[in-house]
Amino acid sequence: MKDMNRDLWLLCKQDYMTQSELDRQVNLLNTLLYHTESWPNFCQAHEILDINRRKIIRKPHLMQGILKEREMKAFVFVNNLN
């Protein structure tokens, strides 16, 4: 797994954590998020509403193609199914 470049807020019940404890917690969070942020999981939890063509797109390969475009078209929405 490659090193993630993200900001994480880590709230603990302890007043103080050593650097090694903090690094361990951040690594565990990155591991957890790495598996949940995959394309198949994203496509399972979302759909794309294309108002221009009056379509609901749920196929992962079509969703990935639309989301990887540089400029999104007007009236194309990503809807969370949760």
Protein backbone atom coordinates (compact mmCIF):
# COMPACT_ATOMS: atom_id res chain seq x y z
CA MET A 1 0.00 0.00 0.00
CA LYS A 2 1.41 3.35 -0.95
CA ASP A 3 1.77 6.20 1.52
CA MET A 4 -1.43 8.27 1.59
CA ASN A 5 -1.38 12.05 1.40
CA ARG A 6 -4.39 13.06 3.44
CA ASP A 7 -5.34 14.94 6.58
CA LEU A 8 -6.74 12.85 9.40
CA TRP A 9 -8.20 13.98 12.69
CA LEU A 10 -7.48 11.50 15.44
CA LEU A 11 -9.48 11.96 18.63
CA CYS A 12 -8.40 9.91 21.64
CA LYS A 13 -9.51 9.53 25.21
CA GLN A 14 -5.90 9.79 26.34
CA ASP A 15 -4.35 13.14 27.12
CA TYR A 16 -1.03 12.22 25.56
CA MET A 17 0.14 9.73 22.91
CA THR A 18 3.69 8.90 21.99
CA GLN A 19 4.75 9.35 18.38
CA SER A 20 4.88 5.59 17.82
CA GLU A 21 1.30 5.17 19.14
CA LEU A 22 0.12 8.02 16.93
CA ASP A 23 1.87 6.54 13.87
CA ARG A 24 0.31 3.14 14.58
CA GLN A 25 -3.20 4.63 14.80
CA VAL A 26 -2.73 6.60 11.58
CA ASN A 27 -1.45 3.49 9.78
CA LEU A 28 -4.47 1.51 10.98
CA LEU A 29 -6.83 4.25 9.75
CA ASN A 30 -5.08 4.40 6.37
CA THR A 31 -5.38 0.61 6.03
CA LEU A 32 -9.07 0.75 6.87
CA LEU A 33 -9.75 3.63 4.47
CA TYR A 34 -7.68 2.04 1.69
CA HIS A 35 -10.06 -0.91 1.53
CA THR A 36 -13.27 1.11 1.84
CA GLU A 37 -12.28 3.74 -0.74
CA SER A 38 -11.81 1.28 -3.62
CA TRP A 39 -13.65 1.77 -6.93
CA PRO A 40 -15.91 -1.29 -6.52
CA ASN A 41 -17.05 -0.13 -3.08
CA PHE A 42 -17.57 3.43 -4.30
CA CYS A 43 -19.63 2.24 -7.29
CA GLN A 44 -21.71 0.00 -5.06
CA ALA A 45 -22.61 2.88 -2.74
CA HIS A 46 -23.27 5.53 -5.43
CA GLU A 47 -25.08 6.09 -8.69
CA ILE A 48 -24.84 8.82 -11.32
CA LEU A 49 -27.92 10.77 -12.32
CA ASP A 50 -27.59 12.18 -15.82
CA ILE A 51 -30.48 14.61 -16.22
CA ASN A 52 -29.41 15.51 -19.79
CA ARG A 53 -29.97 11.96 -21.06
CA ARG A 54 -32.56 11.06 -18.40
CA LYS A 55 -30.53 8.07 -17.24
CA ILE A 56 -29.42 6.54 -13.98
CA ILE A 57 -26.00 4.98 -14.38
CA ARG A 58 -25.05 2.14 -12.03
CA LYS A 59 -22.50 0.14 -14.04
CA PRO A 60 -19.03 0.57 -12.50
CA HIS A 61 -17.11 0.90 -15.78
CA LEU A 62 -19.46 3.65 -17.01
CA MET A 63 -19.34 5.44 -13.65
CA GLN A 64 -15.55 5.41 -13.64
CA GLY A 65 -15.41 6.82 -17.16
CA ILE A 66 -17.74 9.67 -16.28
CA LEU A 67 -15.98 10.51 -13.02
CA LYS A 68 -12.49 10.47 -14.58
CA GLU A 69 -13.42 13.14 -17.15
CA ARG A 70 -11.69 16.46 -16.65
CA GLU A 71 -14.84 18.54 -16.87
CA MET A 72 -18.18 17.28 -15.66
CA LYS A 73 -21.18 18.13 -17.80
CA ALA A 74 -23.98 20.24 -16.38
CA PHE A 75 -26.78 18.38 -14.62
CA VAL A 76 -24.77 15.21 -13.95
CA PHE A 77 -24.97 14.30 -10.26
CA VAL A 78 -23.35 11.68 -8.05
CA ASN A 79 -25.98 10.31 -5.69
CA ASN A 80 -25.09 8.42 -2.51
CA LEU A 81 -27.35 5.42 -1.97
CA ASN A 82 -26.78 5.16 1.78
